[in-house]
């Protein structure tokens, strides 16, 4: 399965649960996660989609660590089976 297919499934599930999941574009600040999941109740999380088994590049990992230090939730999604758990975790925070 390709990265974009996993990403598409994630976006569809967020939408099904009443949220939105815009593409995160950060001009001039490379390495930011692909998507931000915005769910009912003011719940949010950043999501980096990857093809199965792939890991974030070093710059991406650095940006993820920065966001986590700032108190944000950041997830690396490389398997469609993770989708429900990631969304559940975002909703429970």
PDB file of N, CA and C in Angstrom:
ATOM      1  N   UNK A   1       0.842  -1.181   0.000  1.00  0.00           N
ATOM      2  CA  UNK A   1       0.000   0.000   0.000  1.00  0.00           C
ATOM      3  C   UNK A   1       0.889   1.247   0.000  1.00  0.00           C
ATOM      4  N   UNK A   2       0.487   2.229  -0.759  1.00  0.00           N
ATOM      5  CA  UNK A   2       1.277   3.453  -0.875  1.00  0.00           C
ATOM      6  C   UNK A   2       0.902   4.459   0.214  1.00  0.00           C
ATOM      7  N   UNK A   3       1.821   5.375   0.455  1.00  0.00           N
ATOM      8  CA  UNK A   3       1.610   6.419   1.468  1.00  0.00           C
ATOM      9  C   UNK A   3       0.320   7.187   1.227  1.00  0.00           C
ATOM     10  N   UNK A   4       0.096   7.583  -0.006  1.00  0.00           N
ATOM     11  CA  UNK A   4      -1.091   8.400  -0.278  1.00  0.00           C
ATOM     12  C   UNK A   4      -2.385   7.621  -0.040  1.00  0.00           C
ATOM     13  N   UNK A   5      -2.363   6.304  -0.210  1.00  0.00           N
ATOM     14  CA  UNK A   5      -3.552   5.492   0.062  1.00  0.00           C
ATOM     15  C   UNK A   5      -3.842   5.446   1.562  1.00  0.00           C
ATOM     16  N   UNK A   6      -2.799   5.294   2.362  1.00  0.00           N
ATOM     17  CA  UNK A   6      -2.960   5.298   3.820  1.00  0.00           C
ATOM     18  C   UNK A   6      -3.458   6.674   4.272  1.00  0.00           C
ATOM     19  N   UNK A   7      -2.869   7.714   3.735  1.00  0.00           N
ATOM     20  CA  UNK A   7      -3.265   9.082   4.077  1.00  0.00           C
ATOM     21  C   UNK A   7      -4.729   9.325   3.720  1.00  0.00           C
ATOM     22  N   UNK A   8      -5.144   8.866   2.556  1.00  0.00           N
ATOM     23  CA  UNK A   8      -6.532   9.038   2.105  1.00  0.00           C
ATOM     24  C   UNK A   8      -7.505   8.329   3.057  1.00  0.00           C
ATOM     25  N   UNK A   9      -7.158   7.126   3.490  1.00  0.00           N
ATOM     26  CA  UNK A   9      -8.007   6.384   4.424  1.00  0.00           C
ATOM     27  C   UNK A   9      -8.116   7.120   5.765  1.00  0.00           C
ATOM     28  N   UNK A  10      -7.015   7.693   6.213  1.00  0.00           N
ATOM     29  CA  UNK A  10      -7.032   8.438   7.464  1.00  0.00           C
ATOM     30  C   UNK A  10      -7.952   9.653   7.358  1.00  0.00           C
ATOM     31  N   UNK A  11      -7.808  10.409   6.292  1.00  0.00           N
ATOM     32  CA  UNK A  11      -8.643  11.595   6.086  1.00  0.00           C
ATOM     33  C   UNK A  11     -10.123  11.209   6.055  1.00  0.00           C
ATOM     34  N   UNK A  12     -10.453  10.129   5.373  1.00  0.00           N
ATOM     35  CA  UNK A  12     -11.841   9.678   5.281  1.00  0.00           C
ATOM     36  C   UNK A  12     -12.396   9.296   6.652  1.00  0.00           C
ATOM     37  N   UNK A  13     -11.586   8.646   7.482  1.00  0.00           N
ATOM     38  CA  UNK A  13     -12.056   8.233   8.814  1.00  0.00           C
ATOM     39  C   UNK A  13     -12.233   9.436   9.736  1.00  0.00           C
ATOM     40  N   UNK A  14     -11.340  10.400   9.657  1.00  0.00           N
ATOM     41  CA  UNK A  14     -11.509  11.622  10.443  1.00  0.00           C
ATOM     42  C   UNK A  14     -12.820  12.297  10.041  1.00  0.00           C
ATOM     43  N   UNK A  15     -13.064  12.391   8.753  1.00  0.00           N
ATOM     44  CA  UNK A  15     -14.300  13.005   8.262  1.00  0.00           C
ATOM     45  C   UNK A  15     -15.519  12.218   8.746  1.00  0.00           C
ATOM     46  N   UNK A  16     -15.445  10.891   8.714  1.00  0.00           N
ATOM     47  CA  UNK A  16     -16.552  10.054   9.156  1.00  0.00           C
ATOM     48  C   UNK A  16     -16.879  10.304  10.631  1.00  0.00           C
ATOM     49  N   UNK A  17     -15.857  10.646  11.394  1.00  0.00           N
ATOM     50  CA  UNK A  17     -16.046  10.902  12.822  1.00  0.00           C
ATOM     51  C   UNK A  17     -16.378  12.359  13.128  1.00  0.00           C
ATOM     52  N   UNK A  18     -16.674  13.122  12.087  1.00  0.00           N
ATOM     53  CA  UNK A  18     -17.140  14.492  12.282  1.00  0.00           C
ATOM     54  C   UNK A  18     -16.064  15.551  12.274  1.00  0.00           C
ATOM     55  N   UNK A  19     -14.844  15.184  11.890  1.00  0.00           N
ATOM     56  CA  UNK A  19     -13.748  16.143  11.883  1.00  0.00           C
ATOM     57  C   UNK A  19     -13.311  16.522  10.486  1.00  0.00           C
ATOM     58  N   UNK A  20     -12.235  17.270  10.432  1.00  0.00           N
ATOM     59  CA  UNK A  20     -11.591  17.619   9.164  1.00  0.00           C
ATOM     60  C   UNK A  20     -10.102  17.305   9.306  1.00  0.00           C
ATOM     61  N   UNK A  21      -9.457  17.114   8.169  1.00  0.00           N
ATOM     62  CA  UNK A  21      -8.044  16.730   8.202  1.00  0.00           C
ATOM     63  C   UNK A  21      -7.300  17.402   7.044  1.00  0.00           C
ATOM     64  N   UNK A  22      -7.093  18.719   7.162  1.00  0.00           N
ATOM     65  CA  UNK A  22      -6.428  19.417   6.062  1.00  0.00           C
ATOM     66  C   UNK A  22      -4.958  19.031   5.917  1.00  0.00           C
ATOM     67  N   UNK A  23      -4.497  19.149   4.691  1.00  0.00           N
ATOM     68  CA  UNK A  23      -3.072  18.983   4.405  1.00  0.00           C
ATOM     69  C   UNK A  23      -2.348  20.117   5.112  1.00  0.00           C
ATOM     70  N   UNK A  24      -1.285  19.782   5.812  1.00  0.00           N
ATOM     71  CA  UNK A  24      -0.529  20.782   6.558  1.00  0.00           C
ATOM     72  C   UNK A  24       0.602  21.283   5.668  1.00  0.00           C
ATOM     73  N   UNK A  25       0.510  22.520   5.228  1.00  0.00           N
ATOM     74  CA  UNK A  25       1.530  23.125   4.373  1.00  0.00           C
ATOM     75  C   UNK A  25       2.217  24.215   5.179  1.00  0.00           C
ATOM     76  N   UNK A  26       3.510  24.098   5.327  1.00  0.00           N
ATOM     77  CA  UNK A  26       4.263  25.046   6.129  1.00  0.00           C
ATOM     78  C   UNK A  26       5.415  25.591   5.287  1.00  0.00           C
ATOM     79  N   UNK A  27       5.113  26.584   4.502  1.00  0.00           N
ATOM     80  CA  UNK A  27       6.123  27.176   3.622  1.00  0.00           C
ATOM     81  C   UNK A  27       7.294  27.716   4.431  1.00  0.00           C
ATOM     82  N   UNK A  28       8.488  27.354   4.030  1.00  0.00           N
ATOM     83  CA  UNK A  28       9.693  27.855   4.672  1.00  0.00           C
ATOM     84  C   UNK A  28      10.051  27.137   5.965  1.00  0.00           C
ATOM     85  N   UNK A  29       9.294  26.091   6.316  1.00  0.00           N
ATOM     86  CA  UNK A  29       9.581  25.337   7.543  1.00  0.00           C
ATOM     87  C   UNK A  29       9.385  23.867   7.222  1.00  0.00           C
ATOM     88  N   UNK A  30      10.338  23.307   6.481  1.00  0.00           N
ATOM     89  CA  UNK A  30      10.250  21.924   6.018  1.00  0.00           C
ATOM     90  C   UNK A  30      10.223  20.927   7.168  1.00  0.00           C
ATOM     91  N   UNK A  31       9.716  19.735   6.856  1.00  0.00           N
ATOM     92  CA  UNK A  31       9.739  18.640   7.806  1.00  0.00           C
ATOM     93  C   UNK A  31       8.524  18.528   8.692  1.00  0.00           C
ATOM     94  N   UNK A  32       7.558  19.412   8.509  1.00  0.00           N
ATOM     95  CA  UNK A  32       6.351  19.346   9.338  1.00  0.00           C
ATOM     96  C   UNK A  32       5.477  18.172   8.894  1.00  0.00           C
ATOM     97  N   UNK A  33       4.626  17.645   9.802  1.00  0.00           N
ATOM     98  CA  UNK A  33       3.771  16.507   9.457  1.00  0.00           C
ATOM     99  C   UNK A  33       2.841  16.813   8.283  1.00  0.00           C
ATOM    100  N   UNK A  34       2.376  15.740   7.625  1.00  0.00           N
ATOM    101  CA  UNK A  34       1.544  15.870   6.431  1.00  0.00           C
ATOM    102  C   UNK A  34       0.161  16.463   6.711  1.00  0.00           C
ATOM    103  N   UNK A  35      -0.445  16.050   7.812  1.00  0.00           N
ATOM    104  CA  UNK A  35      -1.842  16.399   8.091  1.00  0.00           C
ATOM    105  C   UNK A  35      -2.013  16.853   9.528  1.00  0.00           C
ATOM    106  N   UNK A  36      -3.062  17.654   9.730  1.00  0.00           N
ATOM    107  CA  UNK A  36      -3.498  17.976  11.082  1.00  0.00           C
ATOM    108  C   UNK A  36      -4.946  17.511  11.190  1.00  0.00           C
ATOM    109  N   UNK A  37      -5.191  16.643  12.154  1.00  0.00           N
ATOM    110  CA  UNK A  37      -6.538  16.115  12.382  1.00  0.00           C
ATOM    111  C   UNK A  37      -7.226  17.013  13.397  1.00  0.00           C
ATOM    112  N   UNK A  38      -8.343  17.594  12.997  1.00  0.00           N
ATOM    113  CA  UNK A  38      -9.133  18.476  13.855  1.00  0.00           C
ATOM    114  C   UNK A  38     -10.470  17.801  14.090  1.00  0.00           C
ATOM    115  N   UNK A  39     -10.706  17.404  15.340  1.00  0.00           N
ATOM    116  CA  UNK A  39     -11.876  16.618  15.688  1.00  0.00           C
ATOM    117  C   UNK A  39     -12.813  17.401  16.595  1.00  0.00           C
ATOM    118  N   UNK A  40     -14.083  16.985  16.666  1.00  0.00           N
ATOM    119  CA  UNK A  40     -15.040  17.679  17.528  1.00  0.00           C
ATOM    120  C   UNK A  40     -14.524  17.797  18.964  1.00  0.00           C
ATOM    121  N   UNK A  41     -14.916  18.886  19.604  1.00  0.00           N
ATOM    122  CA  UNK A  41     -14.494  19.124  20.974  1.00  0.00           C
ATOM    123  C   UNK A  41     -13.135  19.784  21.091  1.00  0.00           C
ATOM    124  N   UNK A  42     -12.624  20.304  19.991  1.00  0.00           N
ATOM    125  CA  UNK A  42     -11.331  20.986  20.023  1.00  0.00           C
ATOM    126  C   UNK A  42     -10.138  20.054  20.122  1.00  0.00           C
ATOM    127  N   UNK A  43     -10.301  18.814  19.722  1.00  0.00           N
ATOM    128  CA  UNK A  43      -9.224  17.831  19.771  1.00  0.00           C
ATOM    129  C   UNK A  43      -8.408  17.886  18.484  1.00  0.00           C
ATOM    130  N   UNK A  44      -7.083  17.762  18.613  1.00  0.00           N
ATOM    131  CA  UNK A  44      -6.245  17.833  17.416  1.00  0.00           C
ATOM    132  C   UNK A  44      -4.984  16.995  17.568  1.00  0.00           C
ATOM    133  N   UNK A  45      -4.420  16.628  16.435  1.00  0.00           N
ATOM    134  CA  UNK A  45      -3.166  15.898  16.407  1.00  0.00           C
ATOM    135  C   UNK A  45      -2.538  16.006  15.027  1.00  0.00           C
ATOM    136  N   UNK A  46      -1.220  15.976  14.991  1.00  0.00           N
ATOM    137  CA  UNK A  46      -0.483  16.010  13.736  1.00  0.00           C
ATOM    138  C   UNK A  46      -0.192  14.579  13.298  1.00  0.00           C
ATOM    139  N   UNK A  47      -0.286  14.330  11.998  1.00  0.00           N
ATOM    140  CA  UNK A  47      -0.074  12.980  11.477  1.00  0.00           C
ATOM    141  C   UNK A  47       0.880  13.012  10.289  1.00  0.00           C
ATOM    142  N   UNK A  48       1.920  12.205  10.382  1.00  0.00           N
ATOM    143  CA  UNK A  48       2.880  11.986   9.296  1.00  0.00           C
ATOM    144  C   UNK A  48       2.556  10.641   8.677  1.00  0.00           C
ATOM    145  N   UNK A  49       2.126  10.639   7.434  1.00  0.00           N
ATOM    146  CA  UNK A  49       1.823   9.389   6.734  1.00  0.00           C
ATOM    147  C   UNK A  49       3.078   8.871   6.039  1.00  0.00           C
ATOM    148  N   UNK A  50       3.257   7.568   6.130  1.00  0.00           N
ATOM    149  CA  UNK A  50       4.397   6.903   5.501  1.00  0.00           C
ATOM    150  C   UNK A  50       3.917   5.614   4.852  1.00  0.00           C
ATOM    151  N   UNK A  51       4.650   5.145   3.858  1.00  0.00           N
ATOM    152  CA  UNK A  51       4.394   3.823   3.289  1.00  0.00           C
ATOM    153  C   UNK A  51       4.746   2.791   4.359  1.00  0.00           C
ATOM    154  N   UNK A  52       4.151   1.619   4.296  1.00  0.00           N
ATOM    155  CA  UNK A  52       4.420   0.601   5.316  1.00  0.00           C
ATOM    156  C   UNK A  52       5.914   0.380   5.541  1.00  0.00           C
ATOM    157  N   UNK A  53       6.306   0.436   6.821  1.00  0.00           N
ATOM    158  CA  UNK A  53       7.690   0.194   7.201  1.00  0.00           C
ATOM    159  C   UNK A  53       8.633   1.371   7.058  1.00  0.00           C
ATOM    160  N   UNK A  54       8.197   2.450   6.430  1.00  0.00           N
ATOM    161  CA  UNK A  54       9.074   3.610   6.269  1.00  0.00           C
ATOM    162  C   UNK A  54       9.074   4.448   7.539  1.00  0.00           C
ATOM    163  N   UNK A  55      10.188   5.109   7.782  1.00  0.00           N
ATOM    164  CA  UNK A  55      10.367   5.955   8.956  1.00  0.00           C
ATOM    165  C   UNK A  55      10.517   7.411   8.516  1.00  0.00           C
ATOM    166  N   UNK A  56      10.224   8.349   9.408  1.00  0.00           N
ATOM    167  CA  UNK A  56      10.432   9.766   9.079  1.00  0.00           C
ATOM    168  C   UNK A  56      11.900  10.065   8.791  1.00  0.00           C
ATOM    169  N   UNK A  57      12.123  11.000   7.884  1.00  0.00           N
ATOM    170  CA  UNK A  57      13.483  11.472   7.612  1.00  0.00           C
ATOM    171  C   UNK A  57      13.999  12.215   8.852  1.00  0.00           C
ATOM    172  N   UNK A  58      15.295  12.395   8.988  1.00  0.00           N
ATOM    173  CA  UNK A  58      15.840  13.068  10.178  1.00  0.00           C
ATOM    174  C   UNK A  58      15.215  14.451  10.448  1.00  0.00           C
ATOM    175  N   UNK A  59      15.015  15.256   9.413  1.00  0.00           N
ATOM    176  CA  UNK A  59      14.409  16.575   9.624  1.00  0.00           C
ATOM    177  C   UNK A  59      12.966  16.422  10.134  1.00  0.00           C
ATOM    178  N   UNK A  60      12.225  15.459   9.572  1.00  0.00           N
ATOM    179  CA  UNK A  60      10.863  15.226  10.029  1.00  0.00           C
ATOM    180  C   UNK A  60      10.858  14.799  11.498  1.00  0.00           C
ATOM    181  N   UNK A  61      11.739  13.888  11.857  1.00  0.00           N
ATOM    182  CA  UNK A  61      11.824  13.437  13.250  1.00  0.00           C
ATOM    183  C   UNK A  61      12.145  14.605  14.179  1.00  0.00           C
ATOM    184  N   UNK A  62      12.992  15.505  13.730  1.00  0.00           N
ATOM    185  CA  UNK A  62      13.329  16.686  14.518  1.00  0.00           C
ATOM    186  C   UNK A  62      12.115  17.592  14.707  1.00  0.00           C
ATOM    187  N   UNK A  63      11.349  17.790  13.647  1.00  0.00           N
ATOM    188  CA  UNK A  63      10.133  18.626  13.747  1.00  0.00           C
ATOM    189  C   UNK A  63       9.095  17.961  14.647  1.00  0.00           C
ATOM    190  N   UNK A  64       8.975  16.644  14.550  1.00  0.00           N
ATOM    191  CA  UNK A  64       8.036  15.918  15.402  1.00  0.00           C
ATOM    192  C   UNK A  64       8.418  16.108  16.873  1.00  0.00           C
ATOM    193  N   UNK A  65       9.709  16.007  17.156  1.00  0.00           N
ATOM    194  CA  UNK A  65      10.191  16.189  18.531  1.00  0.00           C
ATOM    195  C   UNK A  65       9.907  17.609  19.022  1.00  0.00           C
ATOM    196  N   UNK A  66      10.091  18.590  18.164  1.00  0.00           N
ATOM    197  CA  UNK A  66       9.804  19.978  18.525  1.00  0.00           C
ATOM    198  C   UNK A  66       8.328  20.140  18.882  1.00  0.00           C
ATOM    199  N   UNK A  67       7.457  19.617  18.030  1.00  0.00           N
ATOM    200  CA  UNK A  67       6.025  19.723  18.300  1.00  0.00           C
ATOM    201  C   UNK A  67       5.657  19.026  19.609  1.00  0.00           C
ATOM    202  N   UNK A  68       6.241  17.879  19.856  1.00  0.00           N
ATOM    203  CA  UNK A  68       5.963  17.156  21.110  1.00  0.00           C
ATOM    204  C   UNK A  68       6.444  17.952  22.323  1.00  0.00           C
ATOM    205  N   UNK A  69       7.611  18.585  22.204  1.00  0.00           N
ATOM    206  CA  UNK A  69       8.104  19.418  23.317  1.00  0.00           C
ATOM    207  C   UNK A  69       7.162  20.581  23.598  1.00  0.00           C
ATOM    208  N   UNK A  70       6.481  21.042  22.557  1.00  0.00           N
ATOM    209  CA  UNK A  70       5.516  22.130  22.710  1.00  0.00           C
ATOM    210  C   UNK A  70       4.164  21.634  23.233  1.00  0.00           C
ATOM    211  N   UNK A  71       4.044  20.327  23.399  1.00  0.00           N
ATOM    212  CA  UNK A  71       2.826  19.765  23.973  1.00  0.00           C
ATOM    213  C   UNK A  71       1.823  19.212  22.982  1.00  0.00           C
ATOM    214  N   UNK A  72       2.187  19.133  21.698  1.00  0.00           N
ATOM    215  CA  UNK A  72       1.283  18.612  20.685  1.00  0.00           C
ATOM    216  C   UNK A  72       1.459  17.105  20.509  1.00  0.00           C
ATOM    217  N   UNK A  73       0.405  16.455  20.092  1.00  0.00           N
ATOM    218  CA  UNK A  73       0.462  15.024  19.777  1.00  0.00           C
ATOM    219  C   UNK A  73       0.866  14.870  18.314  1.00  0.00           C
ATOM    220  N   UNK A  74       1.851  14.001  18.068  1.00  0.00           N
ATOM    221  CA  UNK A  74       2.333  13.743  16.709  1.00  0.00           C
ATOM    222  C   UNK A  74       2.367  12.228  16.513  1.00  0.00           C
ATOM    223  N   UNK A  75       1.826  11.779  15.391  1.00  0.00           N
ATOM    224  CA  UNK A  75       1.739  10.354  15.095  1.00  0.00           C
ATOM    225  C   UNK A  75       2.378  10.072  13.747  1.00  0.00           C
ATOM    226  N   UNK A  76       3.034   8.913  13.643  1.00  0.00           N
ATOM    227  CA  UNK A  76       3.537   8.425  12.362  1.00  0.00           C
ATOM    228  C   UNK A  76       2.651   7.246  11.986  1.00  0.00           C
ATOM    229  N   UNK A  77       1.965   7.370  10.879  1.00  0.00           N
ATOM    230  CA  UNK A  77       0.992   6.389  10.409  1.00  0.00           C
ATOM    231  C   UNK A  77       1.561   5.655   9.201  1.00  0.00           C
ATOM    232  N   UNK A  78       1.831   4.354   9.352  1.00  0.00           N
ATOM    233  CA  UNK A  78       2.361   3.582   8.222  1.00  0.00           C
ATOM    234  C   UNK A  78       1.580   2.291   7.991  1.00  0.00           C
ATOM    235  N   UNK A  79       0.436   2.160   8.656  1.00  0.00           N
ATOM    236  CA  UNK A  79      -0.377   0.951   8.524  1.00  0.00           C
ATOM    237  C   UNK A  79      -1.838   1.349   8.732  1.00  0.00           C
ATOM    238  N   UNK A  80      -2.717   1.017   7.803  1.00  0.00           N
ATOM    239  CA  UNK A  80      -4.128   1.392   7.962  1.00  0.00           C
ATOM    240  C   UNK A  80      -4.746   0.875   9.262  1.00  0.00           C
ATOM    241  N   UNK A  81      -4.210  -0.193   9.823  1.00  0.00           N
ATOM    242  CA  UNK A  81      -4.732  -0.733  11.075  1.00  0.00           C
ATOM    243  C   UNK A  81      -4.514   0.233  12.248  1.00  0.00           C
ATOM    244  N   UNK A  82      -3.632   1.204  12.101  1.00  0.00           N
ATOM    245  CA  UNK A  82      -3.354   2.187  13.152  1.00  0.00           C
ATOM    246  C   UNK A  82      -4.376   3.317  13.189  1.00  0.00           C
ATOM    247  N   UNK A  83      -5.138   3.479  12.136  1.00  0.00           N
ATOM    248  CA  UNK A  83      -5.993   4.655  11.979  1.00  0.00           C
ATOM    249  C   UNK A  83      -6.967   4.822  13.144  1.00  0.00           C
ATOM    250  N   UNK A  84      -7.723   3.788  13.448  1.00  0.00           N
ATOM    251  CA  UNK A  84      -8.711   3.886  14.522  1.00  0.00           C
ATOM    252  C   UNK A  84      -8.083   4.235  15.855  1.00  0.00           C
ATOM    253  N   UNK A  85      -6.963   3.606  16.169  1.00  0.00           N
ATOM    254  CA  UNK A  85      -6.285   3.863  17.431  1.00  0.00           C
ATOM    255  C   UNK A  85      -5.764   5.285  17.543  1.00  0.00           C
ATOM    256  N   UNK A  86      -5.219   5.798  16.452  1.00  0.00           N
ATOM    257  CA  UNK A  86      -4.716   7.175  16.458  1.00  0.00           C
ATOM    258  C   UNK A  86      -5.869   8.144  16.694  1.00  0.00           C
ATOM    259  N   UNK A  87      -6.952   7.964  15.978  1.00  0.00           N
ATOM    260  CA  UNK A  87      -8.088   8.881  16.140  1.00  0.00           C
ATOM    261  C   UNK A  87      -8.685   8.747  17.537  1.00  0.00           C
ATOM    262  N   UNK A  88      -8.806   7.529  18.036  1.00  0.00           N
ATOM    263  CA  UNK A  88      -9.312   7.322  19.399  1.00  0.00           C
ATOM    264  C   UNK A  88      -8.448   8.066  20.411  1.00  0.00           C
ATOM    265  N   UNK A  89      -7.120   7.980  20.243  1.00  0.00           N
ATOM    266  CA  UNK A  89      -6.215   8.647  21.176  1.00  0.00           C
ATOM    267  C   UNK A  89      -6.356  10.163  21.107  1.00  0.00           C
ATOM    268  N   UNK A  90      -6.478  10.708  19.905  1.00  0.00           N
ATOM    269  CA  UNK A  90      -6.670  12.147  19.760  1.00  0.00           C
ATOM    270  C   UNK A  90      -7.974  12.553  20.443  1.00  0.00           C
ATOM    271  N   UNK A  91      -9.031  11.794  20.246  1.00  0.00           N
ATOM    272  CA  UNK A  91     -10.331  12.129  20.822  1.00  0.00           C
ATOM    273  C   UNK A  91     -10.329  12.034  22.345  1.00  0.00           C
ATOM    274  N   UNK A  92      -9.468  11.206  22.903  1.00  0.00           N
ATOM    275  CA  UNK A  92      -9.480  10.993  24.348  1.00  0.00           C
ATOM    276  C   UNK A  92      -8.647  12.014  25.117  1.00  0.00           C
ATOM    277  N   UNK A  93      -7.958  12.895  24.423  1.00  0.00           N
ATOM    278  CA  UNK A  93      -7.101  13.863  25.111  1.00  0.00           C
ATOM    279  C   UNK A  93      -7.840  15.153  25.423  1.00  0.00           C
TER     280      UNK A  93
END
